[in-house]
Amino acid sequence: MKKVLAMSLFAGLLASGVGVSLATAGAHDDFLTEGEIRKIDQEKGRVTLKHGPIKNLNMPGMTMMFQAVPASQLEDLEAGDKVKFRAVKDNGNFVVTNLEKVE
């Protein structure tokens, strides 16, 4: 019961954007979203993704730019790659905390 309550609270905090740490936000594979890389800015650590709905953020599918944390996860990727990613809202900014190429 405590686990269910904790998960519900966590989901509510993510949806509201209330200070959830990046470390705990990446703890569940349920938050992976499929997308396609449109553009990468290696210098600024940013990636533009065309993505489906991001459930944990209550966000519909669209194309948008994210900050990648860490930026090093962008090194072996390029525009056109199909990916799965985890996104969170951190201090009002949308951040990709896990980005992996789908073969």
C-alpha atoms as a PDB file:
ATOM      1  CA  MET A   1       0.000   0.000   0.000  1.00  0.00           C
ATOM      2  CA  LYS A   2       2.823   2.411   0.847  1.00  0.00           C
ATOM      3  CA  LYS A   3       4.433   1.720  -2.528  1.00  0.00           C
ATOM      4  CA  VAL A   4       1.200   2.507  -4.403  1.00  0.00           C
ATOM      5  CA  LEU A   5       0.738   5.713  -2.422  1.00  0.00           C
ATOM      6  CA  ALA A   6       4.343   6.758  -3.043  1.00  0.00           C
ATOM      7  CA  MET A   7       4.002   6.093  -6.793  1.00  0.00           C
ATOM      8  CA  SER A   8       0.775   8.109  -6.942  1.00  0.00           C
ATOM      9  CA  LEU A   9       2.404  11.012  -5.129  1.00  0.00           C
ATOM     10  CA  PHE A  10       5.458  10.841  -7.395  1.00  0.00           C
ATOM     11  CA  ALA A  11       3.283  10.838 -10.542  1.00  0.00           C
ATOM     12  CA  GLY A  12       1.338  13.826  -9.239  1.00  0.00           C
ATOM     13  CA  LEU A  13       4.502  15.768  -8.542  1.00  0.00           C
ATOM     14  CA  LEU A  14       5.850  15.068 -12.016  1.00  0.00           C
ATOM     15  CA  ALA A  15       2.621  16.150 -13.649  1.00  0.00           C
ATOM     16  CA  SER A  16       2.537  19.372 -11.642  1.00  0.00           C
ATOM     17  CA  GLY A  17       6.209  20.168 -12.263  1.00  0.00           C
ATOM     18  CA  VAL A  18       6.944  20.493  -8.543  1.00  0.00           C
ATOM     19  CA  GLY A  19      10.693  20.076  -7.848  1.00  0.00           C
ATOM     20  CA  VAL A  20      11.271  16.404  -8.590  1.00  0.00           C
ATOM     21  CA  SER A  21      14.945  15.555  -8.845  1.00  0.00           C
ATOM     22  CA  LEU A  22      16.327  14.254 -12.114  1.00  0.00           C
ATOM     23  CA  ALA A  23      17.729  11.197 -10.339  1.00  0.00           C
ATOM     24  CA  THR A  24      14.366   9.970  -9.070  1.00  0.00           C
ATOM     25  CA  ALA A  25      12.495  11.003 -12.196  1.00  0.00           C
ATOM     26  CA  GLY A  26      14.369   8.447 -14.284  1.00  0.00           C
ATOM     27  CA  ALA A  27      13.543   5.506 -12.071  1.00  0.00           C
ATOM     28  CA  HIS A  28      10.730   3.973 -14.142  1.00  0.00           C
ATOM     29  CA  ASP A  29      10.680   2.668 -17.715  1.00  0.00           C
ATOM     30  CA  ASP A  30       7.007   3.651 -17.954  1.00  0.00           C
ATOM     31  CA  PHE A  31       8.274   7.139 -18.749  1.00  0.00           C
ATOM     32  CA  LEU A  32      10.061   6.202 -22.006  1.00  0.00           C
ATOM     33  CA  THR A  33       8.697   7.922 -25.099  1.00  0.00           C
ATOM     34  CA  GLU A  34       9.411   7.129 -28.738  1.00  0.00           C
ATOM     35  CA  GLY A  35      10.660   9.857 -31.020  1.00  0.00           C
ATOM     36  CA  GLU A  36      12.882  10.885 -33.887  1.00  0.00           C
ATOM     37  CA  ILE A  37      15.811  13.277 -33.712  1.00  0.00           C
ATOM     38  CA  ARG A  38      15.297  16.310 -35.926  1.00  0.00           C
ATOM     39  CA  LYS A  39      18.320  18.394 -34.886  1.00  0.00           C
ATOM     40  CA  ILE A  40      21.218  18.240 -32.424  1.00  0.00           C
ATOM     41  CA  ASP A  41      23.132  21.220 -31.027  1.00  0.00           C
ATOM     42  CA  GLN A  42      26.202  19.579 -29.481  1.00  0.00           C
ATOM     43  CA  GLU A  43      27.629  22.902 -28.241  1.00  0.00           C
ATOM     44  CA  LYS A  44      24.563  23.762 -26.171  1.00  0.00           C
ATOM     45  CA  GLY A  45      23.614  20.164 -25.319  1.00  0.00           C
ATOM     46  CA  ARG A  46      20.202  20.474 -26.952  1.00  0.00           C
ATOM     47  CA  VAL A  47      18.199  18.067 -29.068  1.00  0.00           C
ATOM     48  CA  THR A  48      15.049  18.681 -31.117  1.00  0.00           C
ATOM     49  CA  LEU A  49      12.751  15.661 -31.071  1.00  0.00           C
ATOM     50  CA  LYS A  50       9.577  14.808 -32.935  1.00  0.00           C
ATOM     51  CA  HIS A  51       7.827  12.709 -30.306  1.00  0.00           C
ATOM     52  CA  GLY A  52       4.646  10.928 -29.382  1.00  0.00           C
ATOM     53  CA  PRO A  53       2.714  11.717 -26.206  1.00  0.00           C
ATOM     54  CA  ILE A  54       4.884  12.092 -23.101  1.00  0.00           C
ATOM     55  CA  LYS A  55       2.657  10.473 -20.483  1.00  0.00           C
ATOM     56  CA  ASN A  56       4.477  11.605 -17.342  1.00  0.00           C
ATOM     57  CA  LEU A  57       4.326  15.232 -18.497  1.00  0.00           C
ATOM     58  CA  ASN A  58       0.746  15.021 -19.801  1.00  0.00           C
ATOM     59  CA  MET A  59       2.073  16.337 -23.125  1.00  0.00           C
ATOM     60  CA  PRO A  60       0.698  15.491 -26.581  1.00  0.00           C
ATOM     61  CA  GLY A  61       2.948  14.492 -29.469  1.00  0.00           C
ATOM     62  CA  MET A  62       4.806  17.372 -31.133  1.00  0.00           C
ATOM     63  CA  THR A  63       8.247  18.537 -32.208  1.00  0.00           C
ATOM     64  CA  MET A  64      10.225  20.469 -29.611  1.00  0.00           C
ATOM     65  CA  MET A  65      13.690  21.162 -28.252  1.00  0.00           C
ATOM     66  CA  PHE A  66      14.991  19.664 -25.000  1.00  0.00           C
ATOM     67  CA  GLN A  67      18.118  20.184 -22.941  1.00  0.00           C
ATOM     68  CA  ALA A  68      20.001  16.870 -22.666  1.00  0.00           C
ATOM     69  CA  VAL A  69      21.404  16.002 -19.226  1.00  0.00           C
ATOM     70  CA  PRO A  70      24.095  14.846 -19.532  1.00  0.00           C
ATOM     71  CA  ALA A  71      24.899  16.387 -22.924  1.00  0.00           C
ATOM     72  CA  SER A  72      27.329  13.536 -23.622  1.00  0.00           C
ATOM     73  CA  GLN A  73      24.386  11.258 -24.477  1.00  0.00           C
ATOM     74  CA  LEU A  74      24.062  13.162 -27.778  1.00  0.00           C
ATOM     75  CA  GLU A  75      27.553  12.246 -29.021  1.00  0.00           C
ATOM     76  CA  ASP A  76      26.736   9.134 -31.076  1.00  0.00           C
ATOM     77  CA  LEU A  77      23.373  10.323 -32.394  1.00  0.00           C
ATOM     78  CA  GLU A  78      22.348  12.251 -35.501  1.00  0.00           C
ATOM     79  CA  ALA A  79      19.274  13.738 -37.146  1.00  0.00           C
ATOM     80  CA  GLY A  80      16.902  11.039 -38.384  1.00  0.00           C
ATOM     81  CA  ASP A  81      17.752   8.521 -35.640  1.00  0.00           C
ATOM     82  CA  LYS A  82      14.767   6.831 -33.994  1.00  0.00           C
ATOM     83  CA  VAL A  83      15.070   7.005 -30.201  1.00  0.00           C
ATOM     84  CA  LYS A  84      13.397   6.262 -26.903  1.00  0.00           C
ATOM     85  CA  PHE A  85      13.809   8.915 -24.268  1.00  0.00           C
ATOM     86  CA  ARG A  86      12.809   9.992 -20.805  1.00  0.00           C
ATOM     87  CA  ALA A  87      11.822  13.624 -20.289  1.00  0.00           C
ATOM     88  CA  VAL A  88      11.098  15.512 -17.076  1.00  0.00           C
ATOM     89  CA  LYS A  89      10.287  19.084 -16.131  1.00  0.00           C
ATOM     90  CA  ASP A  90      13.015  20.584 -13.969  1.00  0.00           C
ATOM     91  CA  ASN A  91      12.713  24.176 -12.708  1.00  0.00           C
ATOM     92  CA  GLY A  92      10.315  24.984 -15.546  1.00  0.00           C
ATOM     93  CA  ASN A  93      12.531  23.475 -18.274  1.00  0.00           C
ATOM     94  CA  PHE A  94      11.938  20.267 -20.194  1.00  0.00           C
ATOM     95  CA  VAL A  95      14.976  18.012 -19.893  1.00  0.00           C
ATOM     96  CA  VAL A  96      15.873  14.685 -21.508  1.00  0.00           C
ATOM     97  CA  THR A  97      17.553  12.534 -18.859  1.00  0.00           C
ATOM     98  CA  ASN A  98      17.875   9.330 -20.881  1.00  0.00           C
ATOM     99  CA  LEU A  99      18.166   9.061 -24.653  1.00  0.00           C
ATOM    100  CA  GLU A 100      18.853   5.815 -26.482  1.00  0.00           C
ATOM    101  CA  LYS A 101      18.891   4.920 -30.155  1.00  0.00           C
ATOM    102  CA  VAL A 102      16.377   2.310 -31.276  1.00  0.00           C
ATOM    103  CA  GLU A 103      17.776  -0.146 -33.812  1.00  0.00           C
END
